[in-house]
Amino acid sequence: MPLNLPHVCGSAVKGLFKEFKFAVPWGHIAAKSCGPPQGRPVLCLHGWLDNANSFDGLIPLLPKDNYYVAIDFPGHGLSSHRPNGVAYNFLEYISDVRRVVERLEWNKFVIMGHSMGGNVGGLFSCIFPDMVERLILLDSCGFVPYRKDKLVLQMQKGIEALLKWEKQEHPPKVYSPLTALQRLLKANTSLSEASAQILLQRGATEVPGGLVFNRDFRINLDTPYRTPLEQCLEYQKKIQASVLIILAKNGILWSKYYADETSPFKAVVEGYKTAKSEFRLEIVEGDHHVHLNEPEHVAGIITDFLSKDATSKL
């Protein structure tokens, strides 16, 4: 069972979501939904090391007539881990999204993704452009551009890291609730304590002696697959969805990458202006987890974006 911390989740939020699972060949993908199933479909994709609870504070502030489904990526939250010998990478995550929307019987939907989830959403929107109506990127630009002169080295590192991991024993570590919280906060400095507790609700399981983290620690390994900037910009041209990017002033992209004129991340963000006429960029106060720590900073912007007619100019 997931960790039960009722003091960090108000009764209104606790009763708002419905839990369910999608069967996959290696187990299941866990998910939670909110809103009328006949409503406009919105798929919510969390960031690296997070889980579906990442949207607990934001979804209640968004239009009530939409149908929100937030998933736990494999290896995260309450979802099954990938089989032994299988690496975690963007192509697999995109396949996960395709499996989920097929089960939901969604032919056209909105993607709202934070960080890694936004990057999965951006790539999905390129590969399946007819399926995505709108793309909302929270402290993400939809791609992770990489230096092409380092691609081969990155592939080597990723493969070697997985092989090394497979040769070692990895018994689960048991933490006290306080130690687990401190460990999560240390690894994610942009999380408030309350937000970390919300993620722990789904990210840890009670066992004799304390808690164990649910995530597959293979997700920490270097991925062998990266995309050079030039390829990102080519992929970007395939997107048909209207795009909203929300960057936090103290977030990863704005403070470390986008503000630099030579940054490949800035090149990707600027690329939306020529790749797609329906594009909106907003800069808000907050940090990388602003949608979870202070959802009111982004809820109005997202609500306005979702309320626009599909043919309107942003």
C-alpha atoms as a PDB file:
ATOM      1  CA  MET A   1       0.000   0.000   0.000  1.00  0.00           C
ATOM      2  CA  PRO A   2       1.173   3.579  -0.628  1.00  0.00           C
ATOM      3  CA  LEU A   3       2.245   5.691   2.292  1.00  0.00           C
ATOM      4  CA  ASN A   4      -0.702   7.155   4.169  1.00  0.00           C
ATOM      5  CA  LEU A   5      -0.057  10.775   5.170  1.00  0.00           C
ATOM      6  CA  PRO A   6      -3.549  12.281   5.474  1.00  0.00           C
ATOM      7  CA  HIS A   7      -2.287  15.549   6.982  1.00  0.00           C
ATOM      8  CA  VAL A   8      -0.740  16.669   3.680  1.00  0.00           C
ATOM      9  CA  CYS A   9      -3.826  16.076   1.535  1.00  0.00           C
ATOM     10  CA  GLY A  10      -7.075  17.886   2.236  1.00  0.00           C
ATOM     11  CA  SER A  11     -10.373  15.989   2.092  1.00  0.00           C
ATOM     12  CA  ALA A  12     -11.458  17.852  -1.043  1.00  0.00           C
ATOM     13  CA  VAL A  13      -8.380  16.638  -2.946  1.00  0.00           C
ATOM     14  CA  LYS A  14      -8.552  13.128  -1.483  1.00  0.00           C
ATOM     15  CA  GLY A  15     -12.085  12.663  -2.802  1.00  0.00           C
ATOM     16  CA  LEU A  16     -11.422  14.350  -6.120  1.00  0.00           C
ATOM     17  CA  PHE A  17      -9.397  11.652  -7.870  1.00  0.00           C
ATOM     18  CA  LYS A  18     -10.245   8.141  -8.974  1.00  0.00           C
ATOM     19  CA  GLU A  19      -7.452   5.543  -9.024  1.00  0.00           C
ATOM     20  CA  PHE A  20      -7.089   2.916 -11.751  1.00  0.00           C
ATOM     21  CA  LYS A  21      -4.513   0.895 -13.701  1.00  0.00           C
ATOM     22  CA  PHE A  22      -3.687   0.071 -17.316  1.00  0.00           C
ATOM     23  CA  ALA A  23      -2.406  -3.445 -17.981  1.00  0.00           C
ATOM     24  CA  VAL A  24       0.873  -3.600 -19.942  1.00  0.00           C
ATOM     25  CA  PRO A  25       2.970  -6.649 -20.923  1.00  0.00           C
ATOM     26  CA  TRP A  26       5.316  -6.236 -17.926  1.00  0.00           C
ATOM     27  CA  GLY A  27       2.700  -5.279 -15.314  1.00  0.00           C
ATOM     28  CA  HIS A  28       0.651  -2.102 -15.110  1.00  0.00           C
ATOM     29  CA  ILE A  29       0.730   1.674 -15.458  1.00  0.00           C
ATOM     30  CA  ALA A  30      -0.996   3.357 -12.516  1.00  0.00           C
ATOM     31  CA  ALA A  31      -3.133   6.433 -13.046  1.00  0.00           C
ATOM     32  CA  LYS A  32      -5.627   8.755 -11.384  1.00  0.00           C
ATOM     33  CA  SER A  33      -8.422  10.758 -12.972  1.00  0.00           C
ATOM     34  CA  CYS A  34     -10.482  13.818 -12.158  1.00  0.00           C
ATOM     35  CA  GLY A  35     -13.540  15.274 -13.855  1.00  0.00           C
ATOM     36  CA  PRO A  36     -16.300  13.938 -16.111  1.00  0.00           C
ATOM     37  CA  PRO A  37     -15.114  11.119 -18.434  1.00  0.00           C
ATOM     38  CA  GLN A  38     -17.049  12.723 -21.286  1.00  0.00           C
ATOM     39  CA  GLY A  39     -15.127  15.985 -20.818  1.00  0.00           C
ATOM     40  CA  ARG A  40     -12.242  17.316 -22.862  1.00  0.00           C
ATOM     41  CA  PRO A  41      -9.369  14.858 -22.314  1.00  0.00           C
ATOM     42  CA  VAL A  42      -6.175  16.162 -20.707  1.00  0.00           C
ATOM     43  CA  LEU A  43      -3.241  13.804 -20.115  1.00  0.00           C
ATOM     44  CA  CYS A  44      -0.922  14.918 -17.296  1.00  0.00           C
ATOM     45  CA  LEU A  45       2.705  13.742 -17.410  1.00  0.00           C
ATOM     46  CA  HIS A  46       4.925  14.227 -14.367  1.00  0.00           C
ATOM     47  CA  GLY A  47       8.641  14.950 -14.203  1.00  0.00           C
ATOM     48  CA  TRP A  48      11.643  12.729 -13.588  1.00  0.00           C
ATOM     49  CA  LEU A  49      11.587  11.070 -10.118  1.00  0.00           C
ATOM     50  CA  ASP A  50       8.081  12.481  -9.436  1.00  0.00           C
ATOM     51  CA  ASN A  51       4.672  10.823  -9.828  1.00  0.00           C
ATOM     52  CA  ALA A  52       1.033  11.542 -10.659  1.00  0.00           C
ATOM     53  CA  ASN A  53       0.517  13.421  -7.373  1.00  0.00           C
ATOM     54  CA  SER A  54       2.573  16.208  -8.951  1.00  0.00           C
ATOM     55  CA  PHE A  55      -0.723  17.670 -10.254  1.00  0.00           C
ATOM     56  CA  ASP A  56      -2.771  17.354  -7.058  1.00  0.00           C
ATOM     57  CA  GLY A  57      -2.731  21.071  -6.295  1.00  0.00           C
ATOM     58  CA  LEU A  58      -3.067  22.290  -9.872  1.00  0.00           C
ATOM     59  CA  ILE A  59      -5.932  20.223 -11.290  1.00  0.00           C
ATOM     60  CA  PRO A  60      -8.534  21.464  -8.749  1.00  0.00           C
ATOM     61  CA  LEU A  61      -7.814  25.026  -9.947  1.00  0.00           C
ATOM     62  CA  LEU A  62      -8.382  24.210 -13.636  1.00  0.00           C
ATOM     63  CA  PRO A  63     -11.685  24.051 -15.603  1.00  0.00           C
ATOM     64  CA  LYS A  64     -14.004  21.474 -14.032  1.00  0.00           C
ATOM     65  CA  ASP A  65     -15.498  20.276 -17.330  1.00  0.00           C
ATOM     66  CA  ASN A  66     -12.232  18.672 -18.506  1.00  0.00           C
ATOM     67  CA  TYR A  67     -11.311  15.033 -17.875  1.00  0.00           C
ATOM     68  CA  TYR A  68      -7.802  14.920 -16.391  1.00  0.00           C
ATOM     69  CA  VAL A  69      -5.807  11.687 -16.319  1.00  0.00           C
ATOM     70  CA  ALA A  70      -2.422  11.742 -14.575  1.00  0.00           C
ATOM     71  CA  ILE A  71      -0.221   8.670 -14.935  1.00  0.00           C
ATOM     72  CA  ASP A  72       2.780   7.309 -13.107  1.00  0.00           C
ATOM     73  CA  PHE A  73       5.463   6.597 -15.689  1.00  0.00           C
ATOM     74  CA  PRO A  74       6.879   3.064 -15.401  1.00  0.00           C
ATOM     75  CA  GLY A  75       9.449   2.920 -12.631  1.00  0.00           C
ATOM     76  CA  HIS A  76       7.732   5.813 -10.843  1.00  0.00           C
ATOM     77  CA  GLY A  77       4.973   6.045  -8.250  1.00  0.00           C
ATOM     78  CA  LEU A  78       2.663   3.035  -8.224  1.00  0.00           C
ATOM     79  CA  SER A  79       3.495   1.783 -11.725  1.00  0.00           C
ATOM     80  CA  SER A  80       5.390  -1.435 -12.419  1.00  0.00           C
ATOM     81  CA  HIS A  81       9.117  -1.302 -13.054  1.00  0.00           C
ATOM     82  CA  ARG A  82      10.393  -2.173 -16.500  1.00  0.00           C
ATOM     83  CA  PRO A  83      11.690  -5.744 -16.953  1.00  0.00           C
ATOM     84  CA  ASN A  84      15.317  -6.519 -16.175  1.00  0.00           C
ATOM     85  CA  GLY A  85      17.612  -5.635 -19.057  1.00  0.00           C
ATOM     86  CA  VAL A  86      15.349  -2.845 -20.340  1.00  0.00           C
ATOM     87  CA  ALA A  87      16.602   0.735 -20.050  1.00  0.00           C
ATOM     88  CA  TYR A  88      14.511   3.831 -19.318  1.00  0.00           C
ATOM     89  CA  ASN A  89      14.485   6.286 -22.222  1.00  0.00           C
ATOM     90  CA  PHE A  90      12.221   8.731 -24.013  1.00  0.00           C
ATOM     91  CA  LEU A  91      11.199   6.346 -26.780  1.00  0.00           C
ATOM     92  CA  GLU A  92       9.878   3.883 -24.215  1.00  0.00           C
ATOM     93  CA  TYR A  93       8.019   6.644 -22.369  1.00  0.00           C
ATOM     94  CA  ILE A  94       6.398   7.736 -25.637  1.00  0.00           C
ATOM     95  CA  SER A  95       5.285   4.144 -26.194  1.00  0.00           C
ATOM     96  CA  ASP A  96       3.807   4.183 -22.680  1.00  0.00           C
ATOM     97  CA  VAL A  97       1.731   7.265 -23.517  1.00  0.00           C
ATOM     98  CA  ARG A  98       0.539   5.654 -26.741  1.00  0.00           C
ATOM     99  CA  ARG A  99      -0.557   2.541 -24.836  1.00  0.00           C
ATOM    100  CA  VAL A 100      -2.457   4.647 -22.301  1.00  0.00           C
ATOM    101  CA  VAL A 101      -4.373   6.784 -24.795  1.00  0.00           C
ATOM    102  CA  GLU A 102      -5.237   3.689 -26.825  1.00  0.00           C
ATOM    103  CA  ARG A 103      -6.788   2.130 -23.735  1.00  0.00           C
ATOM    104  CA  LEU A 104      -8.621   5.390 -23.019  1.00  0.00           C
ATOM    105  CA  GLU A 105      -9.820   5.465 -26.662  1.00  0.00           C
ATOM    106  CA  TRP A 106      -8.633   9.045 -27.048  1.00  0.00           C
ATOM    107  CA  ASN A 107      -8.062  10.185 -30.621  1.00  0.00           C
ATOM    108  CA  LYS A 108      -7.477  13.870 -29.809  1.00  0.00           C
ATOM    109  CA  PHE A 109      -6.372  15.245 -26.468  1.00  0.00           C
ATOM    110  CA  VAL A 110      -4.353  17.836 -24.540  1.00  0.00           C
ATOM    111  CA  ILE A 111      -0.960  17.006 -23.035  1.00  0.00           C
ATOM    112  CA  MET A 112       0.161  18.855 -19.907  1.00  0.00           C
ATOM    113  CA  GLY A 113       3.679  17.853 -18.918  1.00  0.00           C
ATOM    114  CA  HIS A 114       6.160  18.997 -16.298  1.00  0.00           C
ATOM    115  CA  SER A 115       9.920  18.761 -16.919  1.00  0.00           C
ATOM    116  CA  MET A 116      10.609  15.247 -18.269  1.00  0.00           C
ATOM    117  CA  GLY A 117       6.878  14.774 -18.810  1.00  0.00           C
ATOM    118  CA  GLY A 118       6.884  17.879 -20.994  1.00  0.00           C
ATOM    119  CA  ASN A 119       9.781  16.508 -23.013  1.00  0.00           C
ATOM    120  CA  VAL A 120       7.911  13.245 -23.513  1.00  0.00           C
ATOM    121  CA  GLY A 121       4.873  15.284 -24.534  1.00  0.00           C
ATOM    122  CA  GLY A 122       6.879  17.317 -27.036  1.00  0.00           C
ATOM    123  CA  LEU A 123       8.311  14.231 -28.715  1.00  0.00           C
ATOM    124  CA  PHE A 124       4.930  12.490 -28.690  1.00  0.00           C
ATOM    125  CA  SER A 125       3.419  15.544 -30.407  1.00  0.00           C
ATOM    126  CA  CYS A 126       5.992  15.186 -33.194  1.00  0.00           C
ATOM    127  CA  ILE A 127       5.511  11.460 -33.706  1.00  0.00           C
ATOM    128  CA  PHE A 128       1.704  11.550 -33.419  1.00  0.00           C
ATOM    129  CA  PRO A 129       0.901  15.140 -34.444  1.00  0.00           C
ATOM    130  CA  ASP A 130      -2.747  14.440 -35.331  1.00  0.00           C
ATOM    131  CA  MET A 131      -3.510  13.263 -31.808  1.00  0.00           C
ATOM    132  CA  VAL A 132      -2.430  16.286 -29.758  1.00  0.00           C
ATOM    133  CA  GLU A 133      -4.712  19.317 -29.744  1.00  0.00           C
ATOM    134  CA  ARG A 134      -2.762  21.431 -27.245  1.00  0.00           C
ATOM    135  CA  LEU A 135       0.597  21.051 -25.559  1.00  0.00           C
ATOM    136  CA  ILE A 136       1.270  22.625 -22.155  1.00  0.00           C
ATOM    137  CA  LEU A 137       4.918  22.558 -21.036  1.00  0.00           C
ATOM    138  CA  LEU A 138       5.663  23.363 -17.385  1.00  0.00           C
ATOM    139  CA  ASP A 139       9.308  24.377 -16.919  1.00  0.00           C
ATOM    140  CA  SER A 140      10.077  22.344 -20.015  1.00  0.00           C
ATOM    141  CA  CYS A 141      10.578  23.129 -23.696  1.00  0.00           C
ATOM    142  CA  GLY A 142       9.476  19.756 -25.052  1.00  0.00           C
ATOM    143  CA  PHE A 143      12.973  18.586 -26.026  1.00  0.00           C
ATOM    144  CA  VAL A 144      16.395  18.009 -24.482  1.00  0.00           C
ATOM    145  CA  PRO A 145      18.892  19.245 -27.115  1.00  0.00           C
ATOM    146  CA  TYR A 146      22.315  17.636 -26.841  1.00  0.00           C
ATOM    147  CA  ARG A 147      25.722  18.372 -28.331  1.00  0.00           C
ATOM    148  CA  LYS A 148      26.141  16.087 -31.331  1.00  0.00           C
ATOM    149  CA  ASP A 149      29.882  15.730 -30.754  1.00  0.00           C
ATOM    150  CA  LYS A 150      29.084  13.944 -27.459  1.00  0.00           C
ATOM    151  CA  LEU A 151      26.358  11.602 -28.700  1.00  0.00           C
ATOM    152  CA  VAL A 152      28.554   8.526 -29.163  1.00  0.00           C
ATOM    153  CA  LEU A 153      30.153   8.977 -25.738  1.00  0.00           C
ATOM    154  CA  GLN A 154      26.685   9.328 -24.189  1.00  0.00           C
ATOM    155  CA  MET A 155      25.514   6.089 -25.808  1.00  0.00           C
ATOM    156  CA  GLN A 156      28.588   4.311 -24.479  1.00  0.00           C
ATOM    157  CA  LYS A 157      28.066   5.683 -20.952  1.00  0.00           C
ATOM    158  CA  GLY A 158      24.403   4.719 -20.928  1.00  0.00           C
ATOM    159  CA  ILE A 159      24.988   1.134 -22.015  1.00  0.00           C
ATOM    160  CA  GLU A 160      27.916   0.650 -19.637  1.00  0.00           C
ATOM    161  CA  ALA A 161      25.953   2.084 -16.712  1.00  0.00           C
ATOM    162  CA  LEU A 162      23.105  -0.380 -17.244  1.00  0.00           C
ATOM    163  CA  LEU A 163      25.449  -3.364 -17.543  1.00  0.00           C
ATOM    164  CA  LYS A 164      27.289  -2.342 -14.364  1.00  0.00           C
ATOM    165  CA  TRP A 165      23.993  -1.976 -12.510  1.00  0.00           C
ATOM    166  CA  GLU A 166      22.876  -5.452 -13.536  1.00  0.00           C
ATOM    167  CA  LYS A 167      26.008  -7.021 -12.041  1.00  0.00           C
ATOM    168  CA  GLN A 168      25.345  -5.606  -8.580  1.00  0.00           C
ATOM    169  CA  GLU A 169      22.889  -6.419  -5.805  1.00  0.00           C
ATOM    170  CA  HIS A 170      20.403  -3.692  -4.920  1.00  0.00           C
ATOM    171  CA  PRO A 171      18.448  -4.602  -1.790  1.00  0.00           C
ATOM    172  CA  PRO A 172      15.709  -2.102  -0.914  1.00  0.00           C
ATOM    173  CA  LYS A 173      16.708   0.494   1.650  1.00  0.00           C
ATOM    174  CA  VAL A 174      14.345   1.186   4.516  1.00  0.00           C
ATOM    175  CA  TYR A 175      14.077   4.771   5.786  1.00  0.00           C
ATOM    176  CA  SER A 176      12.250   6.374   8.652  1.00  0.00           C
ATOM    177  CA  PRO A 177       9.470   8.719   7.451  1.00  0.00           C
ATOM    178  CA  LEU A 178      11.560  11.750   8.434  1.00  0.00           C
ATOM    179  CA  THR A 179      14.701  10.436   6.720  1.00  0.00           C
ATOM    180  CA  ALA A 180      12.738   9.601   3.576  1.00  0.00           C
ATOM    181  CA  LEU A 181      11.346  13.131   3.498  1.00  0.00           C
ATOM    182  CA  GLN A 182      14.782  14.666   4.055  1.00  0.00           C
ATOM    183  CA  ARG A 183      16.291  12.496   1.324  1.00  0.00           C
ATOM    184  CA  LEU A 184      13.611  13.573  -1.146  1.00  0.00           C
ATOM    185  CA  LEU A 185      14.084  17.250  -0.270  1.00  0.00           C
ATOM    186  CA  LYS A 186      17.860  16.989  -0.633  1.00  0.00           C
ATOM    187  CA  ALA A 187      17.538  15.402  -4.079  1.00  0.00           C
ATOM    188  CA  ASN A 188      14.893  17.927  -5.192  1.00  0.00           C
ATOM    189  CA  THR A 189      15.789  21.338  -3.833  1.00  0.00           C
ATOM    190  CA  SER A 190      12.910  23.005  -5.682  1.00  0.00           C
ATOM    191  CA  LEU A 191      10.316  21.078  -3.639  1.00  0.00           C
ATOM    192  CA  SER A 192       8.672  22.604  -0.608  1.00  0.00           C
ATOM    193  CA  GLU A 193       8.264  20.290   2.374  1.00  0.00           C
ATOM    194  CA  ALA A 194       4.501  20.086   1.785  1.00  0.00           C
ATOM    195  CA  SER A 195       5.046  19.211  -1.895  1.00  0.00           C
ATOM    196  CA  ALA A 196       7.582  16.534  -0.985  1.00  0.00           C
ATOM    197  CA  GLN A 197       5.055  14.961   1.374  1.00  0.00           C
ATOM    198  CA  ILE A 198       2.451  14.947  -1.406  1.00  0.00           C
ATOM    199  CA  LEU A 199       4.861  13.080  -3.690  1.00  0.00           C
ATOM    200  CA  LEU A 200       5.760  10.653  -0.903  1.00  0.00           C
ATOM    201  CA  GLN A 201       2.070   9.689  -0.656  1.00  0.00           C
ATOM    202  CA  ARG A 202       2.505   7.857  -3.942  1.00  0.00           C
ATOM    203  CA  GLY A 203       6.256   7.528  -4.032  1.00  0.00           C
ATOM    204  CA  ALA A 204       6.875   5.380  -0.933  1.00  0.00           C
ATOM    205  CA  THR A 205       5.454   2.246   0.660  1.00  0.00           C
ATOM    206  CA  GLU A 206       5.249   1.352   4.349  1.00  0.00           C
ATOM    207  CA  VAL A 207       7.182  -1.776   5.320  1.00  0.00           C
ATOM    208  CA  PRO A 208       8.282  -3.153   8.703  1.00  0.00           C
ATOM    209  CA  GLY A 209      10.756  -0.652  10.098  1.00  0.00           C
ATOM    210  CA  GLY A 210       9.830   2.344   7.940  1.00  0.00           C
ATOM    211  CA  LEU A 211       9.452   3.223   4.266  1.00  0.00           C
ATOM    212  CA  VAL A 212      10.922   2.145   0.948  1.00  0.00           C
ATOM    213  CA  PHE A 213      10.845   4.304  -2.162  1.00  0.00           C
ATOM    214  CA  ASN A 214       8.694   2.858  -4.936  1.00  0.00           C
ATOM    215  CA  ARG A 215      10.739   4.093  -7.869  1.00  0.00           C
ATOM    216  CA  ASP A 216      13.058   1.926  -9.895  1.00  0.00           C
ATOM    217  CA  PHE A 217      16.514   3.312  -9.231  1.00  0.00           C
ATOM    218  CA  ARG A 218      17.532   2.460 -12.798  1.00  0.00           C
ATOM    219  CA  ILE A 219      15.828   5.706 -13.779  1.00  0.00           C
ATOM    220  CA  ASN A 220      18.875   7.447 -12.273  1.00  0.00           C
ATOM    221  CA  LEU A 221      21.208   5.869 -14.824  1.00  0.00           C
ATOM    222  CA  ASP A 222      22.485   7.773 -17.858  1.00  0.00           C
ATOM    223  CA  THR A 223      20.251   7.263 -20.868  1.00  0.00           C
ATOM    224  CA  PRO A 224      22.077   6.176 -24.036  1.00  0.00           C
ATOM    225  CA  TYR A 225      19.635   8.077 -26.252  1.00  0.00           C
ATOM    226  CA  ARG A 226      19.999  11.812 -26.846  1.00  0.00           C
ATOM    227  CA  THR A 227      18.881  14.146 -29.624  1.00  0.00           C
ATOM    228  CA  PRO A 228      21.101  16.880 -31.135  1.00  0.00           C
ATOM    229  CA  LEU A 229      19.714  20.413 -31.387  1.00  0.00           C
ATOM    230  CA  GLU A 230      19.435  20.272 -35.172  1.00  0.00           C
ATOM    231  CA  GLN A 231      17.253  17.172 -34.964  1.00  0.00           C
ATOM    232  CA  CYS A 232      15.119  18.699 -32.206  1.00  0.00           C
ATOM    233  CA  LEU A 233      14.356  21.679 -34.448  1.00  0.00           C
ATOM    234  CA  GLU A 234      13.404  19.355 -37.311  1.00  0.00           C
ATOM    235  CA  TYR A 235      11.124  17.322 -35.046  1.00  0.00           C
ATOM    236  CA  GLN A 236       9.590  20.527 -33.737  1.00  0.00           C
ATOM    237  CA  LYS A 237       8.287  21.406 -37.201  1.00  0.00           C
ATOM    238  CA  LYS A 238       6.026  18.347 -37.093  1.00  0.00           C
ATOM    239  CA  ILE A 239       4.008  19.632 -34.138  1.00  0.00           C
ATOM    240  CA  GLN A 240       0.468  20.687 -35.068  1.00  0.00           C
ATOM    241  CA  ALA A 241      -0.733  21.429 -31.542  1.00  0.00           C
ATOM    242  CA  SER A 242      -1.000  24.886 -30.052  1.00  0.00           C
ATOM    243  CA  VAL A 243       1.836  25.238 -27.545  1.00  0.00           C
ATOM    244  CA  LEU A 244       2.048  26.957 -24.163  1.00  0.00           C
ATOM    245  CA  ILE A 245       5.387  27.089 -22.335  1.00  0.00           C
ATOM    246  CA  ILE A 246       5.478  28.290 -18.732  1.00  0.00           C
ATOM    247  CA  LEU A 247       8.982  28.908 -17.381  1.00  0.00           C
ATOM    248  CA  ALA A 248       9.659  29.682 -13.725  1.00  0.00           C
ATOM    249  CA  LYS A 249      12.112  32.503 -13.007  1.00  0.00           C
ATOM    250  CA  ASN A 250      13.992  30.287 -10.569  1.00  0.00           C
ATOM    251  CA  GLY A 251      13.397  27.113 -12.530  1.00  0.00           C
ATOM    252  CA  ILE A 252      15.881  24.951 -14.396  1.00  0.00           C
ATOM    253  CA  LEU A 253      15.345  26.336 -17.887  1.00  0.00           C
ATOM    254  CA  TRP A 254      15.142  30.048 -17.183  1.00  0.00           C
ATOM    255  CA  SER A 255      17.915  30.379 -14.627  1.00  0.00           C
ATOM    256  CA  LYS A 256      20.389  27.911 -16.161  1.00  0.00           C
ATOM    257  CA  TYR A 257      19.642  27.700 -19.862  1.00  0.00           C
ATOM    258  CA  TYR A 258      17.069  29.959 -21.487  1.00  0.00           C
ATOM    259  CA  ALA A 259      18.531  33.271 -20.251  1.00  0.00           C
ATOM    260  CA  ASP A 260      21.792  32.428 -22.043  1.00  0.00           C
ATOM    261  CA  GLU A 261      21.668  33.725 -25.625  1.00  0.00           C
ATOM    262  CA  THR A 262      23.792  30.793 -26.820  1.00  0.00           C
ATOM    263  CA  SER A 263      21.738  28.114 -25.051  1.00  0.00           C
ATOM    264  CA  PRO A 264      20.348  25.327 -27.254  1.00  0.00           C
ATOM    265  CA  PHE A 265      17.269  25.369 -24.995  1.00  0.00           C
ATOM    266  CA  LYS A 266      16.615  28.969 -25.964  1.00  0.00           C
ATOM    267  CA  ALA A 267      16.959  27.954 -29.616  1.00  0.00           C
ATOM    268  CA  VAL A 268      14.261  25.331 -29.093  1.00  0.00           C
ATOM    269  CA  VAL A 269      11.906  27.751 -27.316  1.00  0.00           C
ATOM    270  CA  GLU A 270      12.406  30.383 -30.017  1.00  0.00           C
ATOM    271  CA  GLY A 271      11.903  27.685 -32.643  1.00  0.00           C
ATOM    272  CA  TYR A 272       8.233  27.407 -31.740  1.00  0.00           C
ATOM    273  CA  LYS A 273       7.692  30.927 -33.107  1.00  0.00           C
ATOM    274  CA  THR A 274       8.560  29.780 -36.605  1.00  0.00           C
ATOM    275  CA  ALA A 275       7.495  26.146 -36.334  1.00  0.00           C
ATOM    276  CA  LYS A 276       3.996  26.967 -35.091  1.00  0.00           C
ATOM    277  CA  SER A 277       2.061  30.280 -35.188  1.00  0.00           C
ATOM    278  CA  GLU A 278      -0.079  29.314 -32.177  1.00  0.00           C
ATOM    279  CA  PHE A 279       2.548  29.636 -29.470  1.00  0.00           C
ATOM    280  CA  ARG A 280       2.587  31.336 -26.076  1.00  0.00           C
ATOM    281  CA  LEU A 281       5.470  31.787 -23.639  1.00  0.00           C
ATOM    282  CA  GLU A 282       4.885  32.891 -20.051  1.00  0.00           C
ATOM    283  CA  ILE A 283       7.465  33.594 -17.330  1.00  0.00           C
ATOM    284  CA  VAL A 284       6.180  33.268 -13.762  1.00  0.00           C
ATOM    285  CA  GLU A 285       7.524  33.656 -10.251  1.00  0.00           C
ATOM    286  CA  GLY A 286       8.587  30.377  -8.703  1.00  0.00           C
ATOM    287  CA  ASP A 287      10.941  27.471  -9.162  1.00  0.00           C
ATOM    288  CA  HIS A 288      11.056  24.195 -11.062  1.00  0.00           C
ATOM    289  CA  HIS A 289       8.071  22.752  -9.160  1.00  0.00           C
ATOM    290  CA  VAL A 290       5.986  25.934  -9.206  1.00  0.00           C
ATOM    291  CA  HIS A 291       2.936  23.992 -10.484  1.00  0.00           C
ATOM    292  CA  LEU A 292       3.044  21.907  -7.292  1.00  0.00           C
ATOM    293  CA  ASN A 293       4.438  24.386  -4.753  1.00  0.00           C
ATOM    294  CA  GLU A 294       2.377  27.394  -5.886  1.00  0.00           C
ATOM    295  CA  PRO A 295      -0.170  26.188  -8.466  1.00  0.00           C
ATOM    296  CA  GLU A 296      -2.032  29.482  -8.345  1.00  0.00           C
ATOM    297  CA  HIS A 297       0.902  31.065 -10.235  1.00  0.00           C
ATOM    298  CA  VAL A 298       0.155  28.977 -13.319  1.00  0.00           C
ATOM    299  CA  ALA A 299      -3.514  27.934 -13.044  1.00  0.00           C
ATOM    300  CA  GLY A 300      -4.933  31.122 -14.558  1.00  0.00           C
ATOM    301  CA  ILE A 301      -2.563  31.001 -17.526  1.00  0.00           C
ATOM    302  CA  ILE A 302      -3.406  27.361 -18.221  1.00  0.00           C
ATOM    303  CA  THR A 303      -7.139  27.980 -17.831  1.00  0.00           C
ATOM    304  CA  ASP A 304      -6.988  30.824 -20.337  1.00  0.00           C
ATOM    305  CA  PHE A 305      -4.991  28.679 -22.770  1.00  0.00           C
ATOM    306  CA  LEU A 306      -7.458  25.806 -22.505  1.00  0.00           C
ATOM    307  CA  SER A 307     -10.424  28.130 -23.009  1.00  0.00           C
ATOM    308  CA  LYS A 308      -9.162  29.410 -26.364  1.00  0.00           C
ATOM    309  CA  ASP A 309     -10.973  28.171 -29.434  1.00  0.00           C
ATOM    310  CA  ALA A 310      -8.933  25.549 -31.284  1.00  0.00           C
ATOM    311  CA  THR A 311      -8.628  27.849 -34.310  1.00  0.00           C
ATOM    312  CA  SER A 312      -7.787  31.037 -32.431  1.00  0.00           C
ATOM    313  CA  LYS A 313      -4.415  32.816 -32.530  1.00  0.00           C
ATOM    314  CA  LEU A 314      -2.709  32.931 -29.162  1.00  0.00           C
END
